[in-house]
C-alpha atoms as a PDB file:
ATOM      1  CA  MET A   1      38.234 -23.865   6.024  1.00  0.00           C
ATOM      2  CA  ALA A   2      36.178 -22.032   8.548  1.00  0.00           C
ATOM      3  CA  THR A   3      32.453 -22.403   8.426  1.00  0.00           C
ATOM      4  CA  ASN A   4      30.073 -19.594   9.132  1.00  0.00           C
ATOM      5  CA  PRO A   5      28.217 -19.907  12.437  1.00  0.00           C
ATOM      6  CA  ALA A   6      24.440 -19.995  12.347  1.00  0.00           C
ATOM      7  CA  SER A   7      23.050 -16.584  11.676  1.00  0.00           C
ATOM      8  CA  ALA A   8      21.467 -14.523  14.407  1.00  0.00           C
ATOM      9  CA  PRO A   9      17.682 -14.372  14.523  1.00  0.00           C
ATOM     10  CA  ASN A  10      16.421 -12.142  11.810  1.00  0.00           C
ATOM     11  CA  ARG A  11      13.414  -9.870  11.798  1.00  0.00           C
ATOM     12  CA  SER A  12      11.116 -12.315  10.038  1.00  0.00           C
ATOM     13  CA  LEU A  13      11.477 -14.962  12.769  1.00  0.00           C
ATOM     14  CA  GLN A  14      10.942 -12.354  15.456  1.00  0.00           C
ATOM     15  CA  PHE A  15       7.870 -11.167  13.565  1.00  0.00           C
ATOM     16  CA  VAL A  16       6.483 -14.723  13.339  1.00  0.00           C
ATOM     17  CA  TYR A  17       7.058 -15.287  17.068  1.00  0.00           C
ATOM     18  CA  ALA A  18       5.447 -11.969  18.007  1.00  0.00           C
ATOM     19  CA  THR A  19       2.517 -12.578  15.664  1.00  0.00           C
ATOM     20  CA  MET A  20       1.928 -15.990  17.209  1.00  0.00           C
ATOM     21  CA  ALA A  21       2.032 -14.487  20.709  1.00  0.00           C
ATOM     22  CA  ILE A  22      -0.495 -11.778  19.788  1.00  0.00           C
ATOM     23  CA  LEU A  23      -2.725 -14.284  18.005  1.00  0.00           C
ATOM     24  CA  GLN A  24      -2.672 -16.623  20.987  1.00  0.00           C
ATOM     25  CA  ALA A  25      -3.636 -13.754  23.295  1.00  0.00           C
ATOM     26  CA  VAL A  26      -6.561 -12.799  21.042  1.00  0.00           C
ATOM     27  CA  LEU A  27      -7.747 -16.403  20.847  1.00  0.00           C
ATOM     28  CA  VAL A  28      -7.540 -16.840  24.619  1.00  0.00           C
ATOM     29  CA  CYS A  29      -9.621 -13.667  24.973  1.00  0.00           C
ATOM     30  CA  GLU A  30     -12.181 -15.236  22.639  1.00  0.00           C
ATOM     31  CA  PHE A  31     -12.744 -17.998  25.189  1.00  0.00           C
ATOM     32  CA  LEU A  32     -12.748 -15.687  28.208  1.00  0.00           C
ATOM     33  CA  PHE A  33     -14.883 -12.720  27.161  1.00  0.00           C
ATOM     34  CA  ASP A  34     -18.457 -12.362  26.031  1.00  0.00           C
ATOM     35  CA  ALA A  35     -18.547 -10.983  22.486  1.00  0.00           C
ATOM     36  CA  SER A  36     -22.060  -9.555  22.799  1.00  0.00           C
ATOM     37  CA  THR A  37     -20.856  -6.513  24.746  1.00  0.00           C
ATOM     38  CA  SER A  38     -19.304  -4.790  21.733  1.00  0.00           C
ATOM     39  CA  GLN A  39     -20.119  -4.941  18.043  1.00  0.00           C
ATOM     40  CA  VAL A  40     -16.448  -4.599  17.025  1.00  0.00           C
ATOM     41  CA  VAL A  41     -15.392  -7.476  19.277  1.00  0.00           C
ATOM     42  CA  SER A  42     -18.330  -9.554  18.070  1.00  0.00           C
ATOM     43  CA  ASP A  43     -17.386  -8.911  14.433  1.00  0.00           C
ATOM     44  CA  LEU A  44     -13.729  -9.809  15.124  1.00  0.00           C
ATOM     45  CA  PHE A  45     -14.632 -13.096  16.803  1.00  0.00           C
ATOM     46  CA  GLN A  46     -17.110 -13.909  14.027  1.00  0.00           C
ATOM     47  CA  LEU A  47     -14.366 -13.312  11.425  1.00  0.00           C
ATOM     48  CA  ILE A  48     -12.036 -15.594  13.378  1.00  0.00           C
ATOM     49  CA  ASP A  49     -14.714 -18.309  13.480  1.00  0.00           C
ATOM     50  CA  GLU A  50     -15.334 -18.023   9.750  1.00  0.00           C
ATOM     51  CA  GLN A  51     -11.623 -18.325   8.944  1.00  0.00           C
ATOM     52  CA  ARG A  52     -10.739 -20.880  11.641  1.00  0.00           C
ATOM     53  CA  SER A  53      -9.499 -23.631   9.290  1.00  0.00           C
ATOM     54  CA  GLY A  54      -7.170 -21.319   7.390  1.00  0.00           C
ATOM     55  CA  LEU A  55      -5.985 -19.763  10.626  1.00  0.00           C
ATOM     56  CA  LEU A  56      -5.165 -23.175  12.083  1.00  0.00           C
ATOM     57  CA  LEU A  57      -3.244 -24.120   8.939  1.00  0.00           C
ATOM     58  CA  ALA A  58      -1.261 -20.865   9.014  1.00  0.00           C
ATOM     59  CA  GLU A  59      -0.512 -21.398  12.713  1.00  0.00           C
ATOM     60  CA  LEU A  60       0.697 -24.931  12.008  1.00  0.00           C
ATOM     61  CA  PHE A  61       3.087 -23.647   9.340  1.00  0.00           C
ATOM     62  CA  ALA A  62       4.373 -20.882  11.667  1.00  0.00           C
ATOM     63  CA  LEU A  63       4.841 -23.382  14.490  1.00  0.00           C
ATOM     64  CA  GLY A  64       6.817 -25.651  12.188  1.00  0.00           C
ATOM     65  CA  VAL A  65       9.081 -22.777  11.200  1.00  0.00           C
ATOM     66  CA  LEU A  66       9.620 -21.732  14.825  1.00  0.00           C
ATOM     67  CA  PHE A  67      10.273 -25.306  15.954  1.00  0.00           C
ATOM     68  CA  VAL A  68      12.801 -26.043  13.218  1.00  0.00           C
ATOM     69  CA  ASP A  69      14.522 -22.706  13.886  1.00  0.00           C
ATOM     70  CA  ALA A  70      14.738 -23.512  17.605  1.00  0.00           C
ATOM     71  CA  VAL A  71      16.221 -26.948  16.892  1.00  0.00           C
ATOM     72  CA  VAL A  72      18.753 -25.682  14.355  1.00  0.00           C
ATOM     73  CA  ARG A  73      19.883 -22.655  16.339  1.00  0.00           C
ATOM     74  CA  PHE A  74      19.376 -23.922  19.906  1.00  0.00           C
ATOM     75  CA  ASP A  75      22.945 -23.173  21.015  1.00  0.00           C
ATOM     76  CA  GLN A  76      22.872 -19.651  19.556  1.00  0.00           C
ATOM     77  CA  LEU A  77      19.604 -18.585  21.218  1.00  0.00           C
ATOM     78  CA  GLN A  78      20.151 -16.168  24.085  1.00  0.00           C
ATOM     79  CA  ARG A  79      17.053 -17.025  26.101  1.00  0.00           C
ATOM     80  CA  ARG A  80      16.716 -20.556  24.813  1.00  0.00           C
ATOM     81  CA  TRP A  81      14.525 -21.976  27.569  1.00  0.00           C
ATOM     82  CA  ALA A  82      12.053 -19.109  27.469  1.00  0.00           C
ATOM     83  CA  HIS A  83      11.975 -19.393  23.678  1.00  0.00           C
ATOM     84  CA  CYS A  84      11.327 -23.145  23.796  1.00  0.00           C
ATOM     85  CA  ILE A  85       8.689 -22.840  26.529  1.00  0.00           C
ATOM     86  CA  GLY A  86       6.923 -20.215  24.413  1.00  0.00           C
ATOM     87  CA  ILE A  87       6.921 -22.529  21.399  1.00  0.00           C
ATOM     88  CA  ALA A  88       5.643 -25.388  23.583  1.00  0.00           C
ATOM     89  CA  PHE A  89       2.803 -23.140  24.797  1.00  0.00           C
ATOM     90  CA  PHE A  90       1.950 -22.238  21.194  1.00  0.00           C
ATOM     91  CA  VAL A  91       1.869 -25.924  20.226  1.00  0.00           C
ATOM     92  CA  CYS A  92      -0.348 -26.853  23.184  1.00  0.00           C
ATOM     93  CA  HIS A  93      -2.741 -24.017  22.425  1.00  0.00           C
ATOM     94  CA  TRP A  94      -2.820 -24.998  18.751  1.00  0.00           C
ATOM     95  CA  MET A  95      -3.698 -28.587  19.684  1.00  0.00           C
ATOM     96  CA  PHE A  96      -6.487 -27.347  21.959  1.00  0.00           C
ATOM     97  CA  GLN A  97      -7.850 -25.136  19.171  1.00  0.00           C
ATOM     98  CA  MET A  98      -7.684 -28.023  16.716  1.00  0.00           C
ATOM     99  CA  PHE A  99      -9.556 -30.296  19.118  1.00  0.00           C
ATOM    100  CA  VAL A 100     -12.286 -27.696  19.722  1.00  0.00           C
ATOM    101  CA  HIS A 101     -12.540 -26.967  15.996  1.00  0.00           C
ATOM    102  CA  PHE A 102     -12.836 -30.680  15.221  1.00  0.00           C
ATOM    103  CA  LEU A 103     -15.607 -31.134  17.768  1.00  0.00           C
ATOM    104  CA  SER A 104     -17.394 -28.018  16.592  1.00  0.00           C
ATOM    105  CA  SER A 105     -17.276 -28.931  12.915  1.00  0.00           C
ATOM    106  CA  SER A 106     -18.079 -32.614  13.457  1.00  0.00           C
ATOM    107  CA  TYR A 107     -20.842 -32.682  16.007  1.00  0.00           C
ATOM    108  CA  LEU A 108     -22.477 -29.296  16.222  1.00  0.00           C
ATOM    109  CA  ASN A 109     -23.110 -28.549  12.552  1.00  0.00           C
END
């Protein structure tokens, strides 16, 4: 009996990966830019700060999904090293955010 090969990446995994990339870019911009220059940017960064715990939990779940997908379908990925390096960057950035959030919530409040 022939078994079906692992399915090709579907739209939902591509959407999760793209969403994580966009979110990481926005969060890096939060550290680099001064929010007082624009009210819209200030409101966006304030919303992110208010929802930081939920955002970190959602990122952790998305990272778990991406990691398990990369492990299961490693041989079928076309650009496997770029994909894995991207996931490693997401994990490192998540750990940095978690560390900063822990310090902020523990010592500064």
